[in-house]
Amino acid sequence: MKTIHYNPSLIEIEFAKIIADLREEIQKKSAVNTIVDITNNSTKDNPNLVLKLEDKDGDKHELIIQFIQRPDDLVAK
């Protein structure tokens, strides 16, 4: 499939949603941090997820996962 729109692309939007939907499965694998909230910014140029975390000491942290699809003509064949 030729990608026409990259800002954001359908692949970027889809994978941001998939990972956000896997919150419970991701939480099960973290022995140290609790996921307090996930903000899905899938309409931005390069979609991202902002995960708000809290560790066992009660300290708050943020983790940002950004999605960038390379243009089709840059992907190694």
C-alpha atoms as a PDB file:
ATOM      1  CA  MET A   1       0.000   0.000   0.000  1.00  0.00           C
ATOM      2  CA  LYS A   2       1.394   3.395  -0.972  1.00  0.00           C
ATOM      3  CA  THR A   3       1.250   5.876   1.865  1.00  0.00           C
ATOM      4  CA  ILE A   4       0.080   9.280   0.698  1.00  0.00           C
ATOM      5  CA  HIS A   5      -0.323  11.136   4.001  1.00  0.00           C
ATOM      6  CA  TYR A   6       2.420  10.984   6.626  1.00  0.00           C
ATOM      7  CA  ASN A   7       1.259  13.733   8.971  1.00  0.00           C
ATOM      8  CA  PRO A   8       0.043  11.605  10.697  1.00  0.00           C
ATOM      9  CA  SER A   9      -0.013   8.391   8.706  1.00  0.00           C
ATOM     10  CA  LEU A  10      -2.652   5.720   9.242  1.00  0.00           C
ATOM     11  CA  ILE A  11       0.071   3.313  10.408  1.00  0.00           C
ATOM     12  CA  GLU A  12       1.271   5.775  13.064  1.00  0.00           C
ATOM     13  CA  ILE A  13      -2.289   6.309  14.301  1.00  0.00           C
ATOM     14  CA  GLU A  14      -3.049   2.583  14.326  1.00  0.00           C
ATOM     15  CA  PHE A  15       0.037   1.592  16.309  1.00  0.00           C
ATOM     16  CA  ALA A  16      -0.401   4.406  18.832  1.00  0.00           C
ATOM     17  CA  LYS A  17      -3.920   3.094  19.481  1.00  0.00           C
ATOM     18  CA  ILE A  18      -2.773  -0.543  19.664  1.00  0.00           C
ATOM     19  CA  ILE A  19      -0.110   0.222  22.253  1.00  0.00           C
ATOM     20  CA  ALA A  20      -2.454   2.448  24.282  1.00  0.00           C
ATOM     21  CA  ASP A  21      -5.018  -0.385  24.254  1.00  0.00           C
ATOM     22  CA  LEU A  22      -2.358  -2.776  25.629  1.00  0.00           C
ATOM     23  CA  ARG A  23      -2.135  -0.769  28.862  1.00  0.00           C
ATOM     24  CA  GLU A  24      -3.204  -3.652  31.109  1.00  0.00           C
ATOM     25  CA  GLU A  25      -0.800  -6.137  29.505  1.00  0.00           C
ATOM     26  CA  ILE A  26       2.072  -3.640  29.750  1.00  0.00           C
ATOM     27  CA  GLN A  27       1.190  -2.937  33.400  1.00  0.00           C
ATOM     28  CA  LYS A  28       1.406  -6.652  34.240  1.00  0.00           C
ATOM     29  CA  LYS A  29       5.018  -6.707  33.011  1.00  0.00           C
ATOM     30  CA  SER A  30       6.199  -3.733  35.087  1.00  0.00           C
ATOM     31  CA  ALA A  31       7.296  -4.720  38.580  1.00  0.00           C
ATOM     32  CA  VAL A  32       8.315  -1.178  39.554  1.00  0.00           C
ATOM     33  CA  ASN A  33       5.916   1.329  37.946  1.00  0.00           C
ATOM     34  CA  THR A  34       2.154   1.764  37.861  1.00  0.00           C
ATOM     35  CA  ILE A  35       0.635   3.331  34.752  1.00  0.00           C
ATOM     36  CA  VAL A  36      -1.504   6.168  36.110  1.00  0.00           C
ATOM     37  CA  ASP A  37      -2.644   7.520  32.737  1.00  0.00           C
ATOM     38  CA  ILE A  38      -1.951   7.306  29.004  1.00  0.00           C
ATOM     39  CA  THR A  39      -2.608  10.293  26.761  1.00  0.00           C
ATOM     40  CA  ASN A  40      -2.895   9.368  23.086  1.00  0.00           C
ATOM     41  CA  ASN A  41      -1.901  12.295  20.856  1.00  0.00           C
ATOM     42  CA  SER A  42      -2.597  10.485  17.585  1.00  0.00           C
ATOM     43  CA  THR A  43      -3.707  13.548  15.619  1.00  0.00           C
ATOM     44  CA  LYS A  44      -0.309  15.276  15.852  1.00  0.00           C
ATOM     45  CA  ASP A  45       2.232  15.302  13.018  1.00  0.00           C
ATOM     46  CA  ASN A  46       4.265  12.588  14.751  1.00  0.00           C
ATOM     47  CA  PRO A  47       1.771  10.889  17.050  1.00  0.00           C
ATOM     48  CA  ASN A  48       2.888  10.115  20.570  1.00  0.00           C
ATOM     49  CA  LEU A  49       1.721   8.474  23.730  1.00  0.00           C
ATOM     50  CA  VAL A  50       2.431  10.122  27.064  1.00  0.00           C
ATOM     51  CA  LEU A  51       2.526   7.581  29.874  1.00  0.00           C
ATOM     52  CA  LYS A  52       2.231   8.971  33.390  1.00  0.00           C
ATOM     53  CA  LEU A  53       3.844   6.552  35.789  1.00  0.00           C
ATOM     54  CA  GLU A  54       4.236   6.241  39.533  1.00  0.00           C
ATOM     55  CA  ASP A  55       6.995   4.124  41.049  1.00  0.00           C
ATOM     56  CA  LYS A  56       6.863   2.161  44.303  1.00  0.00           C
ATOM     57  CA  ASP A  57       8.254   5.154  46.220  1.00  0.00           C
ATOM     58  CA  GLY A  58       5.379   7.331  44.982  1.00  0.00           C
ATOM     59  CA  ASP A  59       7.595   9.339  42.596  1.00  0.00           C
ATOM     60  CA  LYS A  60       5.863  10.426  39.399  1.00  0.00           C
ATOM     61  CA  HIS A  61       7.464   9.999  35.958  1.00  0.00           C
ATOM     62  CA  GLU A  62       6.516  10.549  32.308  1.00  0.00           C
ATOM     63  CA  LEU A  63       7.510   8.381  29.393  1.00  0.00           C
ATOM     64  CA  ILE A  64       6.842   9.550  25.830  1.00  0.00           C
ATOM     65  CA  ILE A  65       6.625   7.098  22.941  1.00  0.00           C
ATOM     66  CA  GLN A  66       6.667   8.787  19.540  1.00  0.00           C
ATOM     67  CA  PHE A  67       5.646   7.168  16.245  1.00  0.00           C
ATOM     68  CA  ILE A  68       7.376   8.175  13.010  1.00  0.00           C
ATOM     69  CA  GLN A  69       6.807   6.370   9.735  1.00  0.00           C
ATOM     70  CA  ARG A  70       9.581   6.769   7.212  1.00  0.00           C
ATOM     71  CA  PRO A  71       8.513   7.710   3.699  1.00  0.00           C
ATOM     72  CA  ASP A  72       8.170   4.658   1.451  1.00  0.00           C
ATOM     73  CA  ASP A  73      11.068   5.733  -0.775  1.00  0.00           C
ATOM     74  CA  LEU A  74      13.461   5.755   2.228  1.00  0.00           C
ATOM     75  CA  VAL A  75      12.673   2.248   3.409  1.00  0.00           C
ATOM     76  CA  ALA A  76      15.405  -0.267   2.516  1.00  0.00           C
ATOM     77  CA  LYS A  77      14.256  -2.805  -0.027  1.00  0.00           C
END
